[in-house]
Structure formats: C-alpha cells, structure tokens
Amino acid sequence: MQSLSIISVNIWDILISFANLAILTWIVKKFLFKPVKKVLDTRRESIDSAYARADEAEARAEEHRLNYEAAMAAAKQTADQMISEAAREAERRGNEIENEARAQARDIRSQAEADAQLERKKAEKDMKREIADVSVQLTGKLLEREMKPEDHRELIDSFLQELDGE
C-alpha cells in the first residue's frame, strides 16, 4: 500500500493550485488580456475605417467614372450633332453656290444672245446701207451711160464682183 501514499490527494494543495490559477487568470486578464484586446480593437477599428475609406473612395471613383462616361457620351453626341449640322450647312452652301452659278450662266447666256442679236441687227443694217450705197452707185453708173444689154450685163457682173470682193 505504499504506493497509495504517493497518489494521495491533498485537498489543500488542490485549493492552493486553484487559487493560484484564479490569481494568475485575473492577473493575465487584468494586465495582459485587456490591453492586448484594447490594442487589437484599436487595430481592428483602424483597419475597418481604412476599409470604409477605401469603399468610399471606390464609390467616388465609380461615380466619377460614370460621370466621365456620361460626359463623353454627351460630348460624342454634341460632336456628331455639330458634324451633321456642318454637313447640312456645307450642302446648303454648295446648293446656294450652284444656284448662283446657274443664274450667272443664264445671265451670261442671255447677255450673249442679246449681244449676238444686236450684232446681227447691226450687220443687217450695215448690209442694207451697203446695198443702198451700191444701188446708188449702180444707178449713177446707169444714168451716166446709155444702157445696152451687154452694158447692162457688164454692170451687173462688176456689181457682183464688188460685192464678192468685200
């Protein structure tokens, strides 16, 4: 039975061990656990605030991206509108220039026709005057001479030669 004395349980030793355990737990909790927990909580709060700031920054960046895309779409629409307006204005101006050119061509053509008409009338007038002058000359020559059929023929031939010569 000697072996039982070695295994014996001493209640005072157990109580003292529990008391030591309680005191050590209280000391660890008071001086180690609470400050470590406080540091961990502070660290967690700083990390959470950093995440919150990052989320806010990401939300602002997304908002800026959406605003940028909307502005770019509006700018593209404005540019397309300006290009189409410029094309319409260029087409309108081209039609206007074409119409002006056609009007000028009509004016030039009508002026040329009027000038040609005047030149033709002037030529007719000159021709009539020439014929009248030649007739007067022919009549003068006829009166100067006595007319025989041969003379008459020669006179007409010379008259025609004069007309051809001019």
N, C-alpha and C. Protein backbone atom coordinates (compact mmCIF):
# COMPACT_ATOMS: atom_id res chain seq x y z
N MET A 1 0.78 -1.14 0.00
CA MET A 1 0.00 0.00 0.00
C MET A 1 0.85 1.25 0.00
N GLN A 2 1.90 1.03 0.02
CA GLN A 2 2.78 2.17 -0.05
C GLN A 2 2.59 2.94 -1.34
N SER A 3 2.20 2.37 -2.23
CA SER A 3 2.01 3.04 -3.50
C SER A 3 0.85 4.02 -3.46
N LEU A 4 -0.07 3.81 -2.59
CA LEU A 4 -1.20 4.71 -2.49
C LEU A 4 -0.81 6.02 -1.84
N SER A 5 0.12 6.03 -1.04
CA SER A 5 0.51 7.27 -0.38
C SER A 5 1.12 8.25 -1.37
N ILE A 6 1.66 7.71 -2.37
CA ILE A 6 2.23 8.59 -3.39
C ILE A 6 1.09 9.22 -4.19
N ILE A 7 0.06 8.57 -4.40
CA ILE A 7 -1.04 9.04 -5.22
C ILE A 7 -2.04 9.79 -4.36
N SER A 8 -1.85 9.97 -3.24
CA SER A 8 -2.85 10.57 -2.39
C SER A 8 -3.20 11.98 -2.83
N VAL A 9 -4.36 12.36 -2.50
CA VAL A 9 -4.88 13.67 -2.89
C VAL A 9 -4.91 14.52 -1.64
N ASN A 10 -4.25 15.66 -1.80
CA ASN A 10 -4.27 16.60 -0.69
C ASN A 10 -5.17 17.75 -1.11
N ILE A 11 -6.22 17.95 -0.38
CA ILE A 11 -7.22 18.94 -0.73
C ILE A 11 -6.64 20.34 -0.64
N TRP A 12 -5.72 20.58 0.28
CA TRP A 12 -5.13 21.91 0.42
C TRP A 12 -4.26 22.25 -0.79
N ASP A 13 -3.61 21.27 -1.26
CA ASP A 13 -2.79 21.52 -2.46
C ASP A 13 -3.70 21.86 -3.66
N ILE A 14 -4.81 21.19 -3.73
CA ILE A 14 -5.73 21.45 -4.84
C ILE A 14 -6.31 22.85 -4.71
N LEU A 15 -6.69 23.24 -3.53
CA LEU A 15 -7.27 24.58 -3.32
C LEU A 15 -6.23 25.67 -3.61
N ILE A 16 -5.02 25.43 -3.14
CA ILE A 16 -3.96 26.41 -3.39
C ILE A 16 -3.69 26.49 -4.90
N SER A 17 -3.71 25.38 -5.58
CA SER A 17 -3.48 25.39 -7.03
C SER A 17 -4.61 26.13 -7.75
N PHE A 18 -5.83 25.88 -7.29
CA PHE A 18 -6.96 26.63 -7.89
C PHE A 18 -6.85 28.13 -7.59
N ALA A 19 -6.43 28.46 -6.38
CA ALA A 19 -6.27 29.87 -6.02
C ALA A 19 -5.18 30.49 -6.89
N ASN A 20 -4.08 29.78 -7.06
CA ASN A 20 -3.00 30.27 -7.93
C ASN A 20 -3.50 30.45 -9.37
N LEU A 21 -4.28 29.48 -9.80
CA LEU A 21 -4.83 29.57 -11.15
C LEU A 21 -5.76 30.77 -11.29
N ALA A 22 -6.59 31.00 -10.31
CA ALA A 22 -7.52 32.14 -10.33
C ALA A 22 -6.76 33.45 -10.31
N ILE A 23 -5.74 33.53 -9.45
CA ILE A 23 -4.95 34.77 -9.35
C ILE A 23 -4.22 35.00 -10.67
N LEU A 24 -3.62 33.96 -11.22
CA LEU A 24 -2.90 34.11 -12.49
C LEU A 24 -3.87 34.49 -13.62
N THR A 25 -5.05 33.91 -13.61
CA THR A 25 -6.04 34.25 -14.63
C THR A 25 -6.45 35.71 -14.49
N TRP A 26 -6.68 36.12 -13.23
CA TRP A 26 -7.06 37.52 -13.01
C TRP A 26 -5.95 38.46 -13.43
N ILE A 27 -4.70 38.14 -13.11
CA ILE A 27 -3.54 38.98 -13.46
C ILE A 27 -3.40 39.04 -14.98
N VAL A 28 -3.50 37.89 -15.63
CA VAL A 28 -3.38 37.85 -17.09
C VAL A 28 -4.51 38.65 -17.71
N LYS A 29 -5.72 38.47 -17.16
CA LYS A 29 -6.86 39.20 -17.71
C LYS A 29 -6.70 40.69 -17.49
N LYS A 30 -6.29 41.08 -16.31
CA LYS A 30 -6.19 42.50 -15.96
C LYS A 30 -5.05 43.17 -16.70
N PHE A 31 -3.87 42.56 -16.67
CA PHE A 31 -2.69 43.25 -17.19
C PHE A 31 -2.29 42.81 -18.60
N LEU A 32 -2.76 41.70 -19.06
CA LEU A 32 -2.33 41.25 -20.37
C LEU A 32 -3.50 41.17 -21.34
N PHE A 33 -4.56 40.54 -20.97
CA PHE A 33 -5.67 40.31 -21.90
C PHE A 33 -6.37 41.60 -22.28
N LYS A 34 -6.72 42.44 -21.29
CA LYS A 34 -7.43 43.69 -21.59
C LYS A 34 -6.57 44.63 -22.45
N PRO A 35 -5.30 44.88 -22.17
CA PRO A 35 -4.52 45.76 -23.05
C PRO A 35 -4.33 45.18 -24.44
N VAL A 36 -4.13 43.87 -24.51
CA VAL A 36 -3.97 43.25 -25.83
C VAL A 36 -5.28 43.36 -26.60
N LYS A 37 -6.39 43.11 -25.89
CA LYS A 37 -7.69 43.25 -26.54
C LYS A 37 -7.93 44.68 -26.98
N LYS A 38 -7.51 45.64 -26.12
CA LYS A 38 -7.66 47.05 -26.46
C LYS A 38 -6.84 47.39 -27.71
N VAL A 39 -5.60 46.91 -27.79
CA VAL A 39 -4.75 47.14 -28.95
C VAL A 39 -5.37 46.48 -30.18
N LEU A 40 -5.86 45.26 -30.02
CA LEU A 40 -6.49 44.56 -31.14
C LEU A 40 -7.76 45.30 -31.61
N ASP A 41 -8.56 45.79 -30.65
CA ASP A 41 -9.76 46.54 -31.02
C ASP A 41 -9.40 47.83 -31.75
N THR A 42 -8.37 48.51 -31.24
CA THR A 42 -7.92 49.74 -31.91
C THR A 42 -7.44 49.43 -33.31
N ARG A 43 -6.69 48.37 -33.42
CA ARG A 43 -6.18 47.96 -34.73
C ARG A 43 -7.35 47.59 -35.65
N ARG A 44 -8.33 46.85 -35.13
CA ARG A 44 -9.50 46.45 -35.91
C ARG A 44 -10.27 47.70 -36.37
N GLU A 45 -10.43 48.67 -35.46
CA GLU A 45 -11.14 49.90 -35.81
C GLU A 45 -10.40 50.67 -36.91
N SER A 46 -9.07 50.74 -36.80
CA SER A 46 -8.30 51.45 -37.83
C SER A 46 -8.39 50.71 -39.17
N ILE A 47 -8.37 49.39 -39.11
CA ILE A 47 -8.50 48.61 -40.35
C ILE A 47 -9.90 48.79 -40.92
N ASP A 48 -10.92 48.75 -40.06
CA ASP A 48 -12.30 48.95 -40.53
C ASP A 48 -12.48 50.34 -41.12
N SER A 49 -11.89 51.35 -40.47
CA SER A 49 -12.01 52.71 -41.02
C SER A 49 -11.25 52.81 -42.35
N ALA A 50 -10.11 52.11 -42.45
CA ALA A 50 -9.36 52.12 -43.72
C ALA A 50 -10.20 51.45 -44.81
N TYR A 51 -10.85 50.33 -44.47
CA TYR A 51 -11.74 49.68 -45.44
C TYR A 51 -12.91 50.58 -45.81
N ALA A 52 -13.47 51.28 -44.82
CA ALA A 52 -14.59 52.18 -45.09
C ALA A 52 -14.14 53.32 -46.02
N ARG A 53 -12.96 53.88 -45.74
CA ARG A 53 -12.44 54.94 -46.61
C ARG A 53 -12.17 54.41 -48.01
N ALA A 54 -11.65 53.19 -48.08
CA ALA A 54 -11.39 52.57 -49.39
C ALA A 54 -12.70 52.34 -50.13
N ASP A 55 -13.72 51.89 -49.40
CA ASP A 55 -15.03 51.70 -50.04
C ASP A 55 -15.61 53.03 -50.52
N GLU A 56 -15.46 54.07 -49.69
CA GLU A 56 -15.93 55.40 -50.10
C GLU A 56 -15.17 55.90 -51.32
N ALA A 57 -13.86 55.71 -51.30
CA ALA A 57 -13.04 56.13 -52.44
C ALA A 57 -13.43 55.36 -53.69
N GLU A 58 -13.69 54.07 -53.52
CA GLU A 58 -14.10 53.26 -54.66
C GLU A 58 -15.46 53.72 -55.19
N ALA A 59 -16.38 54.05 -54.27
CA ALA A 59 -17.70 54.53 -54.68
C ALA A 59 -17.56 55.87 -55.40
N ARG A 60 -16.70 56.77 -54.87
CA ARG A 60 -16.48 58.06 -55.54
C ARG A 60 -15.84 57.85 -56.90
N ALA A 61 -14.89 56.92 -56.98
CA ALA A 61 -14.24 56.63 -58.26
C ALA A 61 -15.25 56.09 -59.25
N GLU A 62 -16.12 55.22 -58.80
CA GLU A 62 -17.16 54.68 -59.68
C GLU A 62 -18.10 55.79 -60.13
N GLU A 63 -18.44 56.68 -59.21
CA GLU A 63 -19.31 57.82 -59.56
C GLU A 63 -18.62 58.72 -60.58
N HIS A 64 -17.33 58.98 -60.35
CA HIS A 64 -16.56 59.80 -61.31
C HIS A 64 -16.48 59.11 -62.66
N ARG A 65 -16.30 57.78 -62.65
CA ARG A 65 -16.24 57.04 -63.91
C ARG A 65 -17.56 57.14 -64.65
N LEU A 66 -18.66 56.99 -63.92
CA LEU A 66 -19.98 57.11 -64.56
C LEU A 66 -20.21 58.52 -65.09
N ASN A 67 -19.81 59.53 -64.30
CA ASN A 67 -19.93 60.92 -64.77
C ASN A 67 -19.08 61.15 -66.01
N TYR A 68 -17.87 60.60 -66.00
CA TYR A 68 -16.97 60.74 -67.14
C TYR A 68 -17.58 60.09 -68.38
N GLU A 69 -18.11 58.87 -68.20
CA GLU A 69 -18.71 58.18 -69.34
C GLU A 69 -19.92 58.95 -69.86
N ALA A 70 -20.71 59.51 -68.94
CA ALA A 70 -21.87 60.30 -69.37
C ALA A 70 -21.41 61.56 -70.11
N ALA A 71 -20.37 62.20 -69.58
CA ALA A 71 -19.85 63.41 -70.24
C ALA A 71 -19.28 63.06 -71.61
N MET A 72 -18.59 61.93 -71.71
CA MET A 72 -18.03 61.52 -73.00
C MET A 72 -19.14 61.21 -74.00
N ALA A 73 -20.21 60.55 -73.51
CA ALA A 73 -21.34 60.26 -74.40
C ALA A 73 -21.99 61.55 -74.86
N ALA A 74 -22.15 62.50 -73.93
CA ALA A 74 -22.73 63.79 -74.31
C ALA A 74 -21.83 64.53 -75.29
N ALA A 75 -20.52 64.48 -75.04
CA ALA A 75 -19.58 65.15 -75.95
C ALA A 75 -19.61 64.51 -77.33
N LYS A 76 -19.70 63.18 -77.37
CA LYS A 76 -19.77 62.49 -78.66
C LYS A 76 -21.05 62.86 -79.38
N GLN A 77 -22.15 62.91 -78.63
CA GLN A 77 -23.42 63.29 -79.25
C GLN A 77 -23.35 64.72 -79.77
N THR A 78 -22.76 65.62 -78.98
CA THR A 78 -22.61 67.01 -79.41
C THR A 78 -21.73 67.09 -80.64
N ALA A 79 -20.63 66.33 -80.63
CA ALA A 79 -19.73 66.34 -81.80
C ALA A 79 -20.45 65.81 -83.03
N ASP A 80 -21.20 64.71 -82.87
CA ASP A 80 -21.95 64.16 -84.00
C ASP A 80 -22.97 65.17 -84.52
N GLN A 81 -23.62 65.86 -83.59
CA GLN A 81 -24.61 66.86 -83.98
C GLN A 81 -23.93 68.01 -84.73
N MET A 82 -22.77 68.44 -84.22
CA MET A 82 -22.05 69.53 -84.88
C MET A 82 -21.60 69.11 -86.28
N ILE A 83 -21.14 67.87 -86.40
CA ILE A 83 -20.69 67.38 -87.71
C ILE A 83 -21.86 67.32 -88.68
N SER A 84 -23.01 66.83 -88.20
CA SER A 84 -24.17 66.76 -89.10
C SER A 84 -24.67 68.15 -89.47
N GLU A 85 -24.63 69.08 -88.51
CA GLU A 85 -25.02 70.46 -88.83
C GLU A 85 -24.06 71.08 -89.84
N ALA A 86 -22.76 70.82 -89.66
CA ALA A 86 -21.77 71.36 -90.59
C ALA A 86 -21.97 70.75 -91.98
N ALA A 87 -22.29 69.46 -92.04
CA ALA A 87 -22.53 68.82 -93.34
C ALA A 87 -23.76 69.42 -94.01
N ARG A 88 -24.82 69.63 -93.21
CA ARG A 88 -26.03 70.25 -93.78
C ARG A 88 -25.74 71.67 -94.27
N GLU A 89 -24.99 72.42 -93.47
CA GLU A 89 -24.64 73.79 -93.86
C GLU A 89 -23.79 73.79 -95.12
N ALA A 90 -22.84 72.85 -95.21
CA ALA A 90 -21.98 72.77 -96.40
C ALA A 90 -22.82 72.40 -97.62
N GLU A 91 -23.75 71.48 -97.45
CA GLU A 91 -24.62 71.09 -98.57
C GLU A 91 -25.50 72.27 -98.99
N ARG A 92 -26.04 72.98 -97.99
CA ARG A 92 -26.89 74.14 -98.30
C ARG A 92 -26.07 75.21 -99.03
N ARG A 93 -24.86 75.45 -98.53
CA ARG A 93 -24.00 76.46 -99.15
C ARG A 93 -23.60 76.01 -100.57
N GLY A 94 -23.33 74.71 -100.74
CA GLY A 94 -23.00 74.20 -102.08
C GLY A 94 -24.15 74.39 -103.03
N ASN A 95 -25.37 74.09 -102.58
CA ASN A 95 -26.55 74.29 -103.43
C ASN A 95 -26.73 75.77 -103.75
N GLU A 96 -26.47 76.61 -102.75
CA GLU A 96 -26.59 78.04 -102.97
C GLU A 96 -25.59 78.52 -104.01
N ILE A 97 -24.34 78.06 -103.90
CA ILE A 97 -23.30 78.44 -104.86
C ILE A 97 -23.66 77.91 -106.25
N GLU A 98 -24.15 76.68 -106.30
CA GLU A 98 -24.54 76.09 -107.59
C GLU A 98 -25.67 76.90 -108.22
N ASN A 99 -26.66 77.28 -107.42
CA ASN A 99 -27.77 78.08 -107.95
C ASN A 99 -27.29 79.44 -108.43
N GLU A 100 -26.36 80.05 -107.67
CA GLU A 100 -25.80 81.33 -108.10
C GLU A 100 -25.05 81.17 -109.42
N ALA A 101 -24.28 80.10 -109.54
CA ALA A 101 -23.52 79.86 -110.77
C ALA A 101 -24.47 79.65 -111.95
N ARG A 102 -25.55 78.91 -111.72
CA ARG A 102 -26.51 78.70 -112.80
C ARG A 102 -27.19 80.02 -113.19
N ALA A 103 -27.50 80.84 -112.20
CA ALA A 103 -28.12 82.13 -112.50
C ALA A 103 -27.14 83.01 -113.29
N GLN A 104 -25.88 82.99 -112.89
CA GLN A 104 -24.88 83.77 -113.63
C GLN A 104 -24.72 83.24 -115.04
N ALA A 105 -24.72 81.92 -115.19
CA ALA A 105 -24.60 81.33 -116.53
C ALA A 105 -25.80 81.73 -117.39
N ARG A 106 -27.01 81.72 -116.80
CA ARG A 106 -28.20 82.15 -117.55
C ARG A 106 -28.07 83.62 -117.95
N ASP A 107 -27.59 84.45 -117.01
CA ASP A 107 -27.41 85.87 -117.32
C ASP A 107 -26.40 86.07 -118.43
N ILE A 108 -25.27 85.33 -118.33
CA ILE A 108 -24.23 85.45 -119.36
C ILE A 108 -24.77 84.97 -120.71
N ARG A 109 -25.51 83.86 -120.71
CA ARG A 109 -26.06 83.34 -121.95
C ARG A 109 -27.05 84.33 -122.55
N SER A 110 -27.94 84.87 -121.70
CA SER A 110 -28.93 85.82 -122.24
C SER A 110 -28.24 87.09 -122.72
N GLN A 111 -27.17 87.51 -122.01
CA GLN A 111 -26.42 88.69 -122.45
C GLN A 111 -25.74 88.40 -123.79
N ALA A 112 -25.17 87.19 -123.91
CA ALA A 112 -24.51 86.82 -125.17
C ALA A 112 -25.53 86.75 -126.31
N GLU A 113 -26.72 86.21 -126.02
CA GLU A 113 -27.75 86.17 -127.05
C GLU A 113 -28.19 87.57 -127.45
N ALA A 114 -28.31 88.45 -126.44
CA ALA A 114 -28.70 89.83 -126.74
C ALA A 114 -27.60 90.51 -127.57
N ASP A 115 -26.34 90.27 -127.19
CA ASP A 115 -25.23 90.85 -127.96
C ASP A 115 -25.22 90.32 -129.38
N ALA A 116 -25.46 89.01 -129.53
CA ALA A 116 -25.49 88.42 -130.87
C ALA A 116 -26.64 89.02 -131.68
N GLN A 117 -27.78 89.20 -131.03
CA GLN A 117 -28.93 89.81 -131.72
C GLN A 117 -28.59 91.23 -132.17
N LEU A 118 -27.93 91.98 -131.28
CA LEU A 118 -27.54 93.34 -131.66
C LEU A 118 -26.55 93.33 -132.81
N GLU A 119 -25.57 92.41 -132.73
CA GLU A 119 -24.59 92.33 -133.81
C GLU A 119 -25.26 91.95 -135.13
N ARG A 120 -26.21 91.03 -135.08
CA ARG A 120 -26.92 90.62 -136.29
C ARG A 120 -27.71 91.80 -136.87
N LYS A 121 -28.40 92.54 -135.98
CA LYS A 121 -29.15 93.71 -136.46
C LYS A 121 -28.21 94.76 -137.03
N LYS A 122 -27.08 94.92 -136.37
CA LYS A 122 -26.10 95.89 -136.86
C LYS A 122 -25.57 95.45 -138.23
N ALA A 123 -25.29 94.14 -138.35
CA ALA A 123 -24.80 93.62 -139.62
C ALA A 123 -25.85 93.79 -140.70
N GLU A 124 -27.12 93.51 -140.34
CA GLU A 124 -28.19 93.70 -141.32
C GLU A 124 -28.30 95.17 -141.73
N LYS A 125 -28.20 96.05 -140.74
CA LYS A 125 -28.28 97.47 -141.03
C LYS A 125 -27.12 97.90 -141.93
N ASP A 126 -25.91 97.40 -141.58
CA ASP A 126 -24.75 97.73 -142.41
C ASP A 126 -24.91 97.18 -143.82
N MET A 127 -25.44 95.97 -143.90
CA MET A 127 -25.63 95.35 -145.21
C MET A 127 -26.65 96.15 -146.03
N LYS A 128 -27.75 96.56 -145.38
CA LYS A 128 -28.75 97.36 -146.10
C LYS A 128 -28.15 98.68 -146.57
N ARG A 129 -27.37 99.30 -145.72
CA ARG A 129 -26.74 100.55 -146.11
C ARG A 129 -25.78 100.33 -147.28
N GLU A 130 -25.01 99.21 -147.19
CA GLU A 130 -24.09 98.86 -148.28
C GLU A 130 -24.85 98.64 -149.57
N ILE A 131 -25.95 97.89 -149.46
CA ILE A 131 -26.75 97.62 -150.66
C ILE A 131 -27.30 98.93 -151.21
N ALA A 132 -27.74 99.80 -150.30
CA ALA A 132 -28.27 101.09 -150.76
C ALA A 132 -27.17 101.90 -151.44
N ASP A 133 -25.97 101.89 -150.84
CA ASP A 133 -24.85 102.64 -151.45
C ASP A 133 -24.50 102.07 -152.81
N VAL A 134 -24.46 100.75 -152.89
CA VAL A 134 -24.13 100.11 -154.16
C VAL A 134 -25.23 100.40 -155.18
N SER A 135 -26.49 100.39 -154.70
CA SER A 135 -27.60 100.68 -155.62
C SER A 135 -27.49 102.10 -156.14
N VAL A 136 -27.13 102.99 -155.23
CA VAL A 136 -26.97 104.38 -155.66
C VAL A 136 -25.84 104.48 -156.67
N GLN A 137 -24.73 103.79 -156.41
CA GLN A 137 -23.61 103.82 -157.34
C GLN A 137 -24.01 103.20 -158.68
N LEU A 138 -24.73 102.08 -158.61
CA LEU A 138 -25.17 101.41 -159.83
C LEU A 138 -26.11 102.32 -160.62
N THR A 139 -27.02 102.94 -159.90
CA THR A 139 -27.95 103.84 -160.57
C THR A 139 -27.20 105.00 -161.21
N GLY A 140 -26.20 105.51 -160.49
CA GLY A 140 -25.39 106.61 -161.04
C GLY A 140 -24.66 106.18 -162.29
N LYS A 141 -24.13 104.99 -162.30
CA LYS A 141 -23.42 104.50 -163.47
C LYS A 141 -24.40 104.26 -164.61
N LEU A 142 -25.57 103.81 -164.30
CA LEU A 142 -26.56 103.56 -165.34
C LEU A 142 -26.97 104.87 -166.00
N LEU A 143 -27.11 105.83 -165.16
CA LEU A 143 -27.55 107.10 -165.71
C LEU A 143 -26.45 107.74 -166.55
N GLU A 144 -25.22 107.49 -166.24
CA GLU A 144 -24.11 108.08 -166.97
C GLU A 144 -24.02 107.51 -168.38
N ARG A 145 -24.39 106.34 -168.53
CA ARG A 145 -24.22 105.71 -169.83
C ARG A 145 -25.55 105.30 -170.42
N GLU A 146 -25.47 105.09 -171.59
CA GLU A 146 -26.63 104.56 -172.30
C GLU A 146 -26.55 103.05 -172.14
N MET A 147 -27.62 102.45 -171.85
CA MET A 147 -27.60 101.05 -171.50
C MET A 147 -27.93 100.18 -172.70
N LYS A 148 -27.06 99.30 -172.99
CA LYS A 148 -27.28 98.24 -173.95
C LYS A 148 -27.31 96.95 -173.14
N PRO A 149 -27.87 95.90 -173.70
CA PRO A 149 -27.92 94.64 -172.92
C PRO A 149 -26.53 94.18 -172.51
N GLU A 150 -25.55 94.39 -173.34
CA GLU A 150 -24.20 93.97 -172.97
C GLU A 150 -23.67 94.83 -171.85
N ASP A 151 -23.96 96.12 -171.95
CA ASP A 151 -23.51 97.02 -170.87
C ASP A 151 -24.22 96.68 -169.55
N HIS A 152 -25.46 96.38 -169.71
CA HIS A 152 -26.24 96.02 -168.52
C HIS A 152 -25.66 94.78 -167.85
N ARG A 153 -25.29 93.79 -168.64
CA ARG A 153 -24.70 92.56 -168.13
C ARG A 153 -23.34 92.85 -167.48
N GLU A 154 -22.53 93.67 -168.12
CA GLU A 154 -21.23 94.01 -167.57
C GLU A 154 -21.38 94.76 -166.24
N LEU A 155 -22.34 95.63 -166.19
CA LEU A 155 -22.60 96.41 -164.98
C LEU A 155 -23.00 95.49 -163.82
N ILE A 156 -23.86 94.55 -164.10
CA ILE A 156 -24.30 93.61 -163.06
C ILE A 156 -23.13 92.73 -162.64
N ASP A 157 -22.32 92.28 -163.61
CA ASP A 157 -21.16 91.45 -163.26
C ASP A 157 -20.17 92.24 -162.39
N SER A 158 -19.93 93.48 -162.73
CA SER A 158 -19.00 94.28 -161.94
C SER A 158 -19.57 94.54 -160.54
N PHE A 159 -20.87 94.74 -160.48
CA PHE A 159 -21.53 94.93 -159.19
C PHE A 159 -21.38 93.70 -158.30
N LEU A 160 -21.57 92.54 -158.92
CA LEU A 160 -21.44 91.30 -158.16
C LEU A 160 -19.99 91.06 -157.74
N GLN A 161 -19.05 91.44 -158.57
CA GLN A 161 -17.64 91.28 -158.22
C GLN A 161 -17.28 92.20 -157.05
N GLU A 162 -17.85 93.39 -157.06
CA GLU A 162 -17.60 94.30 -155.95
C GLU A 162 -18.15 93.73 -154.64
N LEU A 163 -19.32 93.13 -154.73
CA LEU A 163 -19.90 92.52 -153.53
C LEU A 163 -19.06 91.35 -153.03
N ASP A 164 -18.56 90.53 -153.96
CA ASP A 164 -17.73 89.40 -153.58
C ASP A 164 -16.39 89.86 -153.03
N GLY A 165 -15.89 90.94 -153.52
CA GLY A 165 -14.58 91.45 -153.10
C GLY A 165 -14.63 91.97 -151.68
N GLU A 166 -15.72 92.42 -151.20
CA GLU A 166 -15.79 92.99 -149.87
C GLU A 166 -16.06 91.88 -148.93
